[in-house]
Amino acid sequence: MDQLQSLIRMAEDELTQYSTDARKMEKLRRKIGLSVSMEQQRRCRETLAAQMPSGNLSKLVEEQRQTVALPFWGIAGLGLLGAISLTQWLGYIVAIAGTIAAYRIQKWGWELQAQRLLLRTLEDIEARISKPQQSE
């Protein structure tokens, strides 16, 4: 499990780079090949595939995390505006709750996206090994 967490962190590091998914997978494939044995890769892939959520909400958050979190950022801003202008302490609570909700949604989406990138990379490695490229 510790190995899986380190692989997920590697995938998160690749998400910070501005490049295509194919380039991210290529760079991640090299890192995984150097640091993880094939047996560990298979176990991590199976574990990751089993724990990936498959619902519509998780898919939406994975693909559009900022869009899903945007209303909560708005609620936080309106709560802060109401707290300052109307001197209502309830506004501060709304602002804090909105900020926490938006942050957690974005963090969850980031983690889901990293896990999906890692899963696709591990599956790609498996496919390349099972079907080697034909030399001409």
N, C-alpha and C. Protein backbone atom coordinates (compact mmCIF):
# COMPACT_ATOMS: atom_id res chain seq x y z
N MET A 1 0.82 -1.20 0.00
CA MET A 1 0.00 0.00 0.00
C MET A 1 0.86 1.25 0.00
N ASP A 2 2.00 1.18 0.69
CA ASP A 2 2.91 2.30 0.72
C ASP A 2 3.47 2.58 -0.67
N GLN A 3 3.72 1.51 -1.42
CA GLN A 3 4.21 1.64 -2.79
C GLN A 3 3.16 2.34 -3.66
N LEU A 4 1.90 1.99 -3.47
CA LEU A 4 0.83 2.61 -4.23
C LEU A 4 0.75 4.11 -3.94
N GLN A 5 0.89 4.48 -2.69
CA GLN A 5 0.84 5.90 -2.33
C GLN A 5 1.99 6.68 -2.96
N SER A 6 3.16 6.07 -3.01
CA SER A 6 4.29 6.77 -3.63
C SER A 6 4.06 6.91 -5.14
N LEU A 7 3.44 5.90 -5.77
CA LEU A 7 3.13 6.00 -7.19
C LEU A 7 2.08 7.09 -7.45
N ILE A 8 1.12 7.20 -6.56
CA ILE A 8 0.10 8.24 -6.70
C ILE A 8 0.74 9.62 -6.56
N ARG A 9 1.69 9.76 -5.64
CA ARG A 9 2.40 11.04 -5.50
C ARG A 9 3.20 11.37 -6.75
N MET A 10 3.80 10.35 -7.38
CA MET A 10 4.52 10.58 -8.64
C MET A 10 3.55 11.08 -9.71
N ALA A 11 2.36 10.48 -9.75
CA ALA A 11 1.35 10.90 -10.74
C ALA A 11 0.89 12.32 -10.46
N GLU A 12 0.74 12.68 -9.19
CA GLU A 12 0.36 14.05 -8.85
C GLU A 12 1.44 15.04 -9.27
N ASP A 13 2.70 14.65 -9.13
CA ASP A 13 3.79 15.51 -9.58
C ASP A 13 3.72 15.72 -11.09
N GLU A 14 3.36 14.68 -11.82
CA GLU A 14 3.25 14.82 -13.27
C GLU A 14 2.07 15.71 -13.66
N LEU A 15 1.02 15.72 -12.84
CA LEU A 15 -0.13 16.58 -13.15
C LEU A 15 0.22 18.06 -13.06
N THR A 16 1.25 18.40 -12.29
CA THR A 16 1.62 19.80 -12.16
C THR A 16 2.31 20.33 -13.41
N GLN A 17 2.78 19.43 -14.27
CA GLN A 17 3.46 19.83 -15.50
C GLN A 17 2.43 20.17 -16.57
N TYR A 18 2.72 21.20 -17.33
CA TYR A 18 1.84 21.59 -18.42
C TYR A 18 2.26 20.83 -19.67
N SER A 19 1.60 19.72 -19.92
CA SER A 19 1.87 18.92 -21.11
C SER A 19 0.66 18.03 -21.39
N THR A 20 0.72 17.30 -22.48
CA THR A 20 -0.39 16.42 -22.84
C THR A 20 -0.40 15.20 -21.93
N ASP A 21 -1.54 14.51 -21.91
CA ASP A 21 -1.64 13.30 -21.10
C ASP A 21 -0.68 12.23 -21.59
N ALA A 22 -0.47 12.15 -22.90
CA ALA A 22 0.45 11.16 -23.44
C ALA A 22 1.87 11.41 -22.95
N ARG A 23 2.26 12.67 -22.90
CA ARG A 23 3.61 13.02 -22.43
C ARG A 23 3.73 12.73 -20.94
N LYS A 24 2.70 13.04 -20.18
CA LYS A 24 2.71 12.75 -18.75
C LYS A 24 2.83 11.25 -18.52
N MET A 25 2.09 10.46 -19.31
CA MET A 25 2.15 9.01 -19.16
C MET A 25 3.53 8.49 -19.53
N GLU A 26 4.14 9.05 -20.55
CA GLU A 26 5.47 8.62 -20.97
C GLU A 26 6.50 8.89 -19.87
N LYS A 27 6.46 10.07 -19.28
CA LYS A 27 7.39 10.40 -18.21
C LYS A 27 7.13 9.54 -16.97
N LEU A 28 5.87 9.31 -16.68
CA LEU A 28 5.50 8.48 -15.53
C LEU A 28 5.90 7.03 -15.76
N ARG A 29 5.76 6.56 -17.00
CA ARG A 29 6.14 5.19 -17.34
C ARG A 29 7.63 4.96 -17.06
N ARG A 30 8.45 5.93 -17.40
CA ARG A 30 9.89 5.81 -17.13
C ARG A 30 10.17 5.74 -15.64
N LYS A 31 9.53 6.61 -14.88
CA LYS A 31 9.75 6.62 -13.43
C LYS A 31 9.31 5.31 -12.80
N ILE A 32 8.16 4.81 -13.22
CA ILE A 32 7.64 3.56 -12.67
C ILE A 32 8.55 2.40 -13.04
N GLY A 33 9.02 2.37 -14.28
CA GLY A 33 9.91 1.30 -14.73
C GLY A 33 11.20 1.24 -13.95
N LEU A 34 11.68 2.38 -13.50
CA LEU A 34 12.94 2.41 -12.75
C LEU A 34 12.76 2.09 -11.27
N SER A 35 11.59 2.34 -10.73
CA SER A 35 11.44 2.24 -9.28
C SER A 35 10.58 1.07 -8.79
N VAL A 36 9.80 0.44 -9.68
CA VAL A 36 8.85 -0.57 -9.22
C VAL A 36 8.98 -1.83 -10.07
N SER A 37 9.02 -2.98 -9.41
CA SER A 37 9.10 -4.25 -10.15
C SER A 37 7.76 -4.56 -10.82
N MET A 38 7.78 -5.48 -11.77
CA MET A 38 6.56 -5.83 -12.51
C MET A 38 5.48 -6.41 -11.60
N GLU A 39 5.87 -7.23 -10.65
CA GLU A 39 4.89 -7.82 -9.74
C GLU A 39 4.22 -6.73 -8.89
N GLN A 40 5.01 -5.79 -8.41
CA GLN A 40 4.45 -4.69 -7.63
C GLN A 40 3.55 -3.82 -8.49
N GLN A 41 3.92 -3.63 -9.76
CA GLN A 41 3.08 -2.86 -10.67
C GLN A 41 1.72 -3.53 -10.85
N ARG A 42 1.73 -4.84 -11.02
CA ARG A 42 0.46 -5.57 -11.19
C ARG A 42 -0.41 -5.45 -9.95
N ARG A 43 0.21 -5.61 -8.77
CA ARG A 43 -0.55 -5.51 -7.53
C ARG A 43 -1.12 -4.11 -7.34
N CYS A 44 -0.30 -3.10 -7.64
CA CYS A 44 -0.77 -1.72 -7.51
C CYS A 44 -1.90 -1.44 -8.49
N ARG A 45 -1.79 -1.95 -9.71
CA ARG A 45 -2.83 -1.74 -10.71
C ARG A 45 -4.14 -2.38 -10.27
N GLU A 46 -4.06 -3.61 -9.76
CA GLU A 46 -5.27 -4.30 -9.31
C GLU A 46 -5.90 -3.58 -8.12
N THR A 47 -5.08 -3.15 -7.18
CA THR A 47 -5.60 -2.44 -6.01
C THR A 47 -6.23 -1.12 -6.42
N LEU A 48 -5.55 -0.40 -7.29
CA LEU A 48 -6.05 0.89 -7.75
C LEU A 48 -7.34 0.74 -8.55
N ALA A 49 -7.40 -0.26 -9.41
CA ALA A 49 -8.62 -0.49 -10.19
C ALA A 49 -9.79 -0.85 -9.28
N ALA A 50 -9.52 -1.57 -8.21
CA ALA A 50 -10.59 -1.96 -7.29
C ALA A 50 -11.10 -0.78 -6.47
N GLN A 51 -10.24 0.15 -6.14
CA GLN A 51 -10.67 1.24 -5.27
C GLN A 51 -11.09 2.52 -6.01
N MET A 52 -10.97 2.54 -7.33
CA MET A 52 -11.40 3.72 -8.08
C MET A 52 -12.92 3.80 -8.07
N PRO A 53 -13.47 4.94 -7.66
CA PRO A 53 -14.93 5.09 -7.69
C PRO A 53 -15.44 5.15 -9.12
N SER A 54 -16.64 4.64 -9.33
CA SER A 54 -17.17 4.58 -10.70
C SER A 54 -18.47 5.35 -10.87
N GLY A 55 -18.86 6.12 -9.89
CA GLY A 55 -20.12 6.86 -9.99
C GLY A 55 -20.02 8.08 -10.87
N ASN A 56 -21.18 8.62 -11.20
CA ASN A 56 -21.23 9.80 -12.06
C ASN A 56 -20.64 11.03 -11.38
N LEU A 57 -20.88 11.17 -10.06
CA LEU A 57 -20.37 12.32 -9.33
C LEU A 57 -18.85 12.32 -9.31
N SER A 58 -18.26 11.17 -9.03
CA SER A 58 -16.80 11.10 -8.98
C SER A 58 -16.19 11.35 -10.36
N LYS A 59 -16.86 10.88 -11.40
CA LYS A 59 -16.37 11.13 -12.77
C LYS A 59 -16.45 12.62 -13.09
N LEU A 60 -17.54 13.26 -12.69
CA LEU A 60 -17.70 14.70 -12.92
C LEU A 60 -16.65 15.49 -12.15
N VAL A 61 -16.43 15.14 -10.90
CA VAL A 61 -15.43 15.85 -10.09
C VAL A 61 -14.03 15.63 -10.65
N GLU A 62 -13.76 14.43 -11.13
CA GLU A 62 -12.45 14.15 -11.71
C GLU A 62 -12.19 15.00 -12.95
N GLU A 63 -13.18 15.13 -13.80
CA GLU A 63 -13.00 15.85 -15.06
C GLU A 63 -13.18 17.36 -14.92
N GLN A 64 -14.05 17.80 -14.01
CA GLN A 64 -14.39 19.22 -13.90
C GLN A 64 -14.36 19.69 -12.45
N ARG A 65 -13.27 19.44 -11.76
CA ARG A 65 -13.22 19.74 -10.32
C ARG A 65 -13.38 21.23 -10.03
N GLN A 66 -12.83 22.08 -10.86
CA GLN A 66 -12.95 23.52 -10.61
C GLN A 66 -14.37 24.01 -10.85
N THR A 67 -15.03 23.47 -11.84
CA THR A 67 -16.40 23.86 -12.13
C THR A 67 -17.34 23.42 -11.01
N VAL A 68 -17.10 22.23 -10.47
CA VAL A 68 -17.95 21.74 -9.39
C VAL A 68 -17.71 22.54 -8.12
N ALA A 69 -16.48 22.97 -7.88
CA ALA A 69 -16.14 23.70 -6.66
C ALA A 69 -16.53 25.18 -6.74
N LEU A 70 -16.74 25.70 -7.94
CA LEU A 70 -17.00 27.13 -8.11
C LEU A 70 -18.19 27.65 -7.30
N PRO A 71 -19.34 26.97 -7.26
CA PRO A 71 -20.44 27.49 -6.45
C PRO A 71 -20.09 27.60 -4.96
N PHE A 72 -19.25 26.70 -4.48
CA PHE A 72 -18.86 26.75 -3.07
C PHE A 72 -17.91 27.92 -2.80
N TRP A 73 -17.06 28.25 -3.78
CA TRP A 73 -16.23 29.45 -3.65
C TRP A 73 -17.14 30.69 -3.64
N GLY A 74 -18.19 30.67 -4.44
CA GLY A 74 -19.14 31.78 -4.44
C GLY A 74 -19.86 31.92 -3.11
N ILE A 75 -20.27 30.81 -2.54
CA ILE A 75 -20.93 30.83 -1.23
C ILE A 75 -19.98 31.38 -0.18
N ALA A 76 -18.71 30.98 -0.27
CA ALA A 76 -17.72 31.49 0.69
C ALA A 76 -17.57 33.00 0.54
N GLY A 77 -17.51 33.47 -0.68
CA GLY A 77 -17.38 34.92 -0.91
C GLY A 77 -18.59 35.70 -0.44
N LEU A 78 -19.77 35.18 -0.74
CA LEU A 78 -20.99 35.85 -0.29
C LEU A 78 -21.11 35.83 1.24
N GLY A 79 -20.71 34.75 1.84
CA GLY A 79 -20.74 34.69 3.31
C GLY A 79 -19.79 35.70 3.92
N LEU A 80 -18.61 35.84 3.33
CA LEU A 80 -17.66 36.82 3.83
C LEU A 80 -18.16 38.24 3.60
N LEU A 81 -18.76 38.47 2.44
CA LEU A 81 -19.32 39.79 2.14
C LEU A 81 -20.44 40.14 3.13
N GLY A 82 -21.32 39.17 3.37
CA GLY A 82 -22.39 39.40 4.33
C GLY A 82 -21.89 39.60 5.74
N ALA A 83 -20.85 38.88 6.09
CA ALA A 83 -20.30 39.01 7.44
C ALA A 83 -19.68 40.38 7.65
N ILE A 84 -18.98 40.87 6.64
CA ILE A 84 -18.30 42.16 6.79
C ILE A 84 -19.30 43.32 6.71
N SER A 85 -20.18 43.28 5.72
CA SER A 85 -21.08 44.42 5.53
C SER A 85 -22.22 44.46 6.54
N LEU A 86 -22.72 43.32 6.92
CA LEU A 86 -23.85 43.28 7.85
C LEU A 86 -23.43 42.99 9.29
N THR A 87 -22.15 42.83 9.50
CA THR A 87 -21.57 42.46 10.80
C THR A 87 -22.32 41.29 11.44
N GLN A 88 -22.51 40.25 10.65
CA GLN A 88 -23.17 39.03 11.12
C GLN A 88 -22.11 37.94 11.28
N TRP A 89 -22.03 37.35 12.43
CA TRP A 89 -21.04 36.28 12.66
C TRP A 89 -21.39 35.02 11.89
N LEU A 90 -22.66 34.84 11.55
CA LEU A 90 -23.08 33.68 10.78
C LEU A 90 -22.44 33.68 9.38
N GLY A 91 -22.19 34.87 8.85
CA GLY A 91 -21.54 34.99 7.56
C GLY A 91 -20.14 34.40 7.56
N TYR A 92 -19.43 34.57 8.67
CA TYR A 92 -18.09 33.99 8.77
C TYR A 92 -18.15 32.47 8.76
N ILE A 93 -19.14 31.92 9.42
CA ILE A 93 -19.30 30.46 9.44
C ILE A 93 -19.61 29.95 8.04
N VAL A 94 -20.48 30.65 7.32
CA VAL A 94 -20.81 30.27 5.95
C VAL A 94 -19.56 30.38 5.07
N ALA A 95 -18.78 31.44 5.25
CA ALA A 95 -17.57 31.62 4.46
C ALA A 95 -16.57 30.50 4.72
N ILE A 96 -16.40 30.13 5.95
CA ILE A 96 -15.46 29.05 6.30
C ILE A 96 -15.96 27.72 5.75
N ALA A 97 -17.26 27.46 5.90
CA ALA A 97 -17.82 26.20 5.39
C ALA A 97 -17.71 26.12 3.87
N GLY A 98 -17.99 27.21 3.18
CA GLY A 98 -17.87 27.22 1.72
C GLY A 98 -16.45 27.01 1.26
N THR A 99 -15.49 27.64 1.95
CA THR A 99 -14.09 27.48 1.61
C THR A 99 -13.63 26.04 1.82
N ILE A 100 -14.02 25.45 2.93
CA ILE A 100 -13.63 24.06 3.22
C ILE A 100 -14.24 23.12 2.18
N ALA A 101 -15.50 23.31 1.86
CA ALA A 101 -16.15 22.45 0.86
C ALA A 101 -15.49 22.58 -0.50
N ALA A 102 -15.21 23.80 -0.94
CA ALA A 102 -14.58 24.00 -2.25
C ALA A 102 -13.18 23.39 -2.28
N TYR A 103 -12.42 23.59 -1.22
CA TYR A 103 -11.06 23.05 -1.16
C TYR A 103 -11.08 21.52 -1.21
N ARG A 104 -11.98 20.91 -0.46
CA ARG A 104 -12.04 19.44 -0.43
C ARG A 104 -12.50 18.86 -1.76
N ILE A 105 -13.41 19.53 -2.43
CA ILE A 105 -13.85 19.07 -3.76
C ILE A 105 -12.69 19.13 -4.74
N GLN A 106 -11.95 20.24 -4.73
CA GLN A 106 -10.82 20.35 -5.64
C GLN A 106 -9.72 19.35 -5.31
N LYS A 107 -9.48 19.12 -4.04
CA LYS A 107 -8.47 18.15 -3.64
C LYS A 107 -8.89 16.73 -4.05
N TRP A 108 -10.15 16.40 -3.87
CA TRP A 108 -10.66 15.09 -4.26
C TRP A 108 -10.53 14.89 -5.77
N GLY A 109 -10.88 15.92 -6.53
CA GLY A 109 -10.74 15.85 -7.99
C GLY A 109 -9.29 15.67 -8.42
N TRP A 110 -8.40 16.35 -7.75
CA TRP A 110 -6.97 16.24 -8.06
C TRP A 110 -6.49 14.81 -7.80
N GLU A 111 -6.89 14.25 -6.67
CA GLU A 111 -6.49 12.88 -6.33
C GLU A 111 -7.09 11.87 -7.32
N LEU A 112 -8.35 12.06 -7.69
CA LEU A 112 -8.97 11.17 -8.66
C LEU A 112 -8.26 11.24 -10.01
N GLN A 113 -7.90 12.44 -10.42
CA GLN A 113 -7.21 12.61 -11.70
C GLN A 113 -5.84 11.95 -11.67
N ALA A 114 -5.13 12.07 -10.56
CA ALA A 114 -3.81 11.43 -10.43
C ALA A 114 -3.95 9.91 -10.43
N GLN A 115 -4.95 9.40 -9.74
CA GLN A 115 -5.16 7.95 -9.72
C GLN A 115 -5.53 7.43 -11.10
N ARG A 116 -6.34 8.17 -11.83
CA ARG A 116 -6.72 7.75 -13.19
C ARG A 116 -5.50 7.76 -14.11
N LEU A 117 -4.65 8.78 -13.99
CA LEU A 117 -3.43 8.84 -14.80
C LEU A 117 -2.52 7.67 -14.48
N LEU A 118 -2.38 7.35 -13.20
CA LEU A 118 -1.55 6.22 -12.80
C LEU A 118 -2.13 4.91 -13.30
N LEU A 119 -3.43 4.74 -13.19
CA LEU A 119 -4.08 3.51 -13.65
C LEU A 119 -3.91 3.34 -15.16
N ARG A 120 -4.11 4.41 -15.92
CA ARG A 120 -3.93 4.32 -17.37
C ARG A 120 -2.48 4.01 -17.72
N THR A 121 -1.54 4.57 -16.97
CA THR A 121 -0.13 4.31 -17.23
C THR A 121 0.23 2.87 -16.93
N LEU A 122 -0.25 2.35 -15.80
CA LEU A 122 0.02 0.95 -15.46
C LEU A 122 -0.60 0.00 -16.47
N GLU A 123 -1.81 0.31 -16.92
CA GLU A 123 -2.44 -0.52 -17.94
C GLU A 123 -1.68 -0.45 -19.26
N ASP A 124 -1.15 0.72 -19.58
CA ASP A 124 -0.36 0.87 -20.80
C ASP A 124 0.94 0.07 -20.72
N ILE A 125 1.57 0.08 -19.56
CA ILE A 125 2.79 -0.72 -19.38
C ILE A 125 2.47 -2.19 -19.55
N GLU A 126 1.38 -2.63 -18.94
CA GLU A 126 0.95 -4.03 -19.04
C GLU A 126 0.68 -4.41 -20.50
N ALA A 127 0.01 -3.52 -21.22
CA ALA A 127 -0.31 -3.82 -22.63
C ALA A 127 0.94 -3.86 -23.48
N ARG A 128 1.89 -3.00 -23.22
CA ARG A 128 3.13 -3.01 -23.99
C ARG A 128 3.96 -4.25 -23.73
N ILE A 129 3.90 -4.75 -22.51
CA ILE A 129 4.68 -5.96 -22.19
C ILE A 129 4.01 -7.19 -22.78
N SER A 130 2.69 -7.25 -22.71
CA SER A 130 1.99 -8.43 -23.23
C SER A 130 2.00 -8.48 -24.74
N LYS A 131 2.12 -7.33 -25.40
CA LYS A 131 2.15 -7.30 -26.86
C LYS A 131 3.33 -6.43 -27.30
N PRO A 132 4.52 -7.02 -27.41
CA PRO A 132 5.68 -6.24 -27.79
C PRO A 132 5.53 -5.67 -29.19
N GLN A 133 6.19 -4.55 -29.42
CA GLN A 133 6.11 -3.91 -30.73
C GLN A 133 6.87 -4.73 -31.76
N GLN A 134 6.34 -4.77 -32.96
CA GLN A 134 6.95 -5.53 -34.06
C GLN A 134 8.07 -4.69 -34.66
N SER A 135 9.26 -5.28 -34.80
CA SER A 135 10.37 -4.60 -35.45
C SER A 135 10.33 -4.88 -36.94
N GLU A 136 10.72 -3.89 -37.67
CA GLU A 136 10.68 -4.05 -39.13
C GLU A 136 12.05 -4.32 -39.67
